[in-house]
Amino acid sequence: MAYLVVTIKEILDQEAFDEYAEKVQPILQKYDGWWVAIEAHHETRAGTWPYVRTVLVEFPSIGRAQQWYDSPEYREIIPLRQRAIDANIVMVRSLRDKE
């Protein structure tokens, strides 16, 4: 398994964000990704967490996550995401991922 971790610093355009969220869902499904968590109300236990939202998406492998991100369908909506949010996006390989 692998995870996509998105930390959103700021929502720049709510309408674009809503459109992005609607468009990204079927693309995630096509590449076997699914939402694990979408959290706007964090419980910070140590340090600071300067993000307005955190999203966790699970994929069956890091390869599948990379295929999703590099797919023509997702590449097409990246400009929409960039207009909508200021975010960090990282892919994290699960310790169980053998790929």
Protein backbone atom coordinates (compact mmCIF):
# COMPACT_ATOMS: atom_id res chain seq x y z
CA MET A 1 0.00 0.00 0.00
CA ALA A 2 0.93 3.62 -0.40
CA TYR A 3 -0.54 6.87 0.77
CA LEU A 4 -0.93 10.30 -0.72
CA VAL A 5 -0.73 12.91 2.03
CA VAL A 6 -2.04 16.36 1.20
CA THR A 7 -1.63 19.25 3.62
CA ILE A 8 -3.58 22.28 2.52
CA LYS A 9 -2.14 25.58 3.69
CA GLU A 10 -4.92 27.70 2.25
CA ILE A 11 -7.99 27.38 0.07
CA LEU A 12 -7.44 30.11 -2.51
CA ASP A 13 -10.66 29.70 -4.50
CA GLN A 14 -13.53 27.75 -2.96
CA GLU A 15 -15.43 27.37 -6.23
CA ALA A 16 -12.33 25.96 -7.99
CA PHE A 17 -11.70 23.71 -4.98
CA ASP A 18 -15.23 22.29 -5.16
CA GLU A 19 -14.81 21.68 -8.91
CA TYR A 20 -11.44 20.00 -8.35
CA ALA A 21 -12.84 17.76 -5.60
CA GLU A 22 -15.65 16.67 -7.92
CA LYS A 23 -13.30 15.96 -10.84
CA VAL A 24 -10.57 14.18 -8.87
CA GLN A 25 -12.88 11.58 -7.30
CA PRO A 26 -13.52 9.44 -10.42
CA ILE A 27 -9.84 9.65 -11.39
CA LEU A 28 -8.82 8.37 -7.96
CA GLN A 29 -11.29 5.50 -8.29
CA LYS A 30 -9.95 4.59 -11.74
CA TYR A 31 -6.47 4.14 -10.20
CA ASP A 32 -7.76 2.28 -7.12
CA GLY A 33 -7.31 5.23 -4.77
CA TRP A 34 -9.76 5.97 -1.99
CA TRP A 35 -10.16 8.64 0.65
CA VAL A 36 -9.01 7.48 4.06
CA ALA A 37 -9.36 10.83 5.83
CA ILE A 38 -10.31 14.39 5.07
CA GLU A 39 -9.88 16.50 8.18
CA ALA A 40 -10.45 20.20 8.72
CA HIS A 41 -10.53 20.08 12.52
CA HIS A 42 -7.17 18.73 13.64
CA GLU A 43 -6.24 17.67 17.11
CA THR A 44 -2.62 18.77 17.36
CA ARG A 45 -0.87 17.06 20.26
CA ALA A 46 2.65 18.44 19.83
CA GLY A 47 4.15 21.30 17.86
CA THR A 48 2.05 23.26 15.40
CA TRP A 49 0.00 22.22 12.40
CA PRO A 50 -0.47 25.29 10.18
CA TYR A 51 -2.80 23.61 7.69
CA VAL A 52 -6.50 24.20 7.16
CA ARG A 53 -7.12 20.68 5.89
CA THR A 54 -5.33 17.35 5.69
CA VAL A 55 -6.24 14.63 3.22
CA LEU A 56 -5.07 11.03 3.21
CA VAL A 57 -5.63 8.82 0.16
CA GLU A 58 -4.74 5.12 0.04
CA PHE A 59 -3.52 3.27 -3.05
CA PRO A 60 -2.73 -0.45 -3.36
CA SER A 61 0.91 0.40 -4.21
CA ILE A 62 3.29 3.30 -4.77
CA GLY A 63 3.27 2.38 -8.45
CA ARG A 64 -0.48 2.80 -8.64
CA ALA A 65 -0.25 6.17 -6.87
CA GLN A 66 2.38 7.30 -9.37
CA GLN A 67 0.24 6.12 -12.28
CA TRP A 68 -2.65 8.18 -10.92
CA TYR A 69 -0.58 11.35 -10.48
CA ASP A 70 1.06 10.98 -13.90
CA SER A 71 -2.16 10.04 -15.73
CA PRO A 72 -3.40 12.32 -18.51
CA GLU A 73 -6.73 12.68 -16.68
CA TYR A 74 -5.11 13.96 -13.49
CA ARG A 75 -2.51 16.10 -15.27
CA GLU A 76 -5.41 17.88 -16.97
CA ILE A 77 -6.87 19.07 -13.65
CA ILE A 78 -3.60 20.05 -11.95
CA PRO A 79 -3.98 23.71 -13.05
CA LEU A 80 -7.41 23.69 -11.39
CA ARG A 81 -5.87 22.34 -8.17
CA GLN A 82 -3.14 24.95 -8.29
CA ARG A 83 -5.73 27.71 -8.66
CA ALA A 84 -7.84 26.25 -5.86
CA ILE A 85 -5.36 25.47 -3.08
CA ASP A 86 -1.89 26.10 -1.73
CA ALA A 87 -0.87 22.61 -0.69
CA ASN A 88 1.91 20.11 -0.12
CA ILE A 89 1.47 16.68 -1.72
CA VAL A 90 3.66 13.70 -0.87
CA MET A 91 3.51 9.99 -1.65
CA VAL A 92 4.45 7.69 1.19
CA ARG A 93 5.19 4.02 0.71
CA SER A 94 3.65 1.70 3.29
CA LEU A 95 6.03 -0.60 5.10
CA ARG A 96 3.89 -3.39 3.62
CA ASP A 97 4.44 -2.20 0.02
CA LYS A 98 6.81 -4.60 -1.73
CA GLU A 99 6.91 -2.62 -5.00
